[in-house]
Amino acid sequence: MPLTIEQLRGLIEKLGVPVRDVLRSDEPLARSLKLAERQLSDDDLIKIMVDNPDLIQRPIVVRGGEAVLCRPAEKVMKLL
């Protein structure tokens, strides 16, 4: 099931990172949309990522009130 705007916003808050840190800017779609070059609000970026889930960095692991962007995968150990 795809993430909603509210769910993605909540994940980003749990991660404690800027919205752009969750954007996969190296994806072909991100390049074609020139997302790295455009001045978009966080809300605009979140909507674009919800509409195009391939643009979301992953995996994101959630445990309780914490979340970790597990890239590299060894970062998941922070939650265990």
Protein backbone atom coordinates (compact mmCIF):
# COMPACT_ATOMS: atom_id res chain seq x y z
CA MET A 1 0.00 0.00 0.00
CA PRO A 2 1.46 3.40 -0.99
CA LEU A 3 2.34 6.00 1.62
CA THR A 4 0.08 8.98 2.15
CA ILE A 5 1.43 12.51 2.44
CA GLU A 6 0.82 12.39 6.20
CA GLN A 7 2.62 9.04 6.57
CA LEU A 8 5.68 10.21 4.62
CA ARG A 9 5.76 13.47 6.58
CA GLY A 10 5.63 11.44 9.82
CA LEU A 11 8.48 9.18 8.68
CA ILE A 12 10.62 12.19 7.80
CA GLU A 13 9.92 13.69 11.23
CA LYS A 14 10.95 10.40 12.90
CA LEU A 15 14.10 10.31 10.79
CA GLY A 16 14.95 13.84 11.88
CA VAL A 17 16.39 14.75 8.49
CA PRO A 18 15.57 17.40 5.89
CA VAL A 19 13.01 16.32 3.27
CA ARG A 20 15.64 16.45 0.51
CA ASP A 21 17.67 13.78 2.35
CA VAL A 22 14.85 11.31 1.67
CA LEU A 23 14.72 12.16 -2.05
CA ARG A 24 16.53 9.81 -4.42
CA SER A 25 17.92 12.61 -6.57
CA ASP A 26 19.92 10.17 -8.72
CA GLU A 27 16.77 8.50 -10.06
CA PRO A 28 16.12 9.17 -13.77
CA LEU A 29 12.71 10.65 -12.92
CA ALA A 30 14.28 13.09 -10.44
CA ARG A 31 16.77 14.15 -13.08
CA SER A 32 14.09 14.55 -15.75
CA LEU A 33 12.00 16.65 -13.35
CA LYS A 34 15.17 18.61 -12.45
CA LEU A 35 14.30 18.29 -8.76
CA ALA A 36 17.85 19.09 -7.63
CA GLU A 37 17.76 22.38 -9.53
CA ARG A 38 14.29 23.54 -8.56
CA GLN A 39 13.37 25.51 -5.46
CA LEU A 40 10.47 23.43 -4.17
CA SER A 41 8.86 23.57 -0.75
CA ASP A 42 9.03 20.56 1.53
CA ASP A 43 5.30 20.02 0.96
CA ASP A 44 5.81 20.02 -2.81
CA LEU A 45 8.68 17.50 -2.54
CA ILE A 46 6.66 15.23 -0.25
CA LYS A 47 3.74 15.26 -2.69
CA ILE A 48 6.05 14.45 -5.61
CA MET A 49 7.58 11.55 -3.63
CA VAL A 50 4.16 10.19 -2.63
CA ASP A 51 3.05 10.36 -6.27
CA ASN A 52 6.33 8.72 -7.38
CA PRO A 53 7.47 6.29 -4.63
CA ASP A 54 10.63 5.36 -6.56
CA LEU A 55 11.93 8.78 -5.52
CA ILE A 56 11.92 7.83 -1.80
CA GLN A 57 15.20 6.63 -0.27
CA ARG A 58 14.83 3.19 1.23
CA PRO A 59 14.77 1.11 3.21
CA ILE A 60 13.40 3.10 6.10
CA VAL A 61 13.07 1.01 9.24
CA VAL A 62 10.71 2.12 12.00
CA ARG A 63 10.72 0.87 15.56
CA GLY A 64 8.43 2.64 17.97
CA GLY A 65 8.99 6.36 17.74
CA GLU A 66 12.31 6.04 15.91
CA ALA A 67 13.16 5.60 12.25
CA VAL A 68 16.44 5.06 10.44
CA LEU A 69 17.24 5.39 6.76
CA CYS A 70 19.16 2.14 6.42
CA ARG A 71 21.58 3.09 3.73
CA PRO A 72 23.97 1.38 4.12
CA ALA A 73 22.00 -1.53 5.58
CA GLU A 74 24.20 -1.71 8.69
CA LYS A 75 22.45 1.41 10.00
CA VAL A 76 19.50 -0.76 11.04
CA MET A 77 21.61 -1.85 14.02
CA LYS A 78 20.89 1.57 15.58
CA LEU A 79 17.33 0.40 16.22
CA LEU A 80 18.09 -3.10 17.44
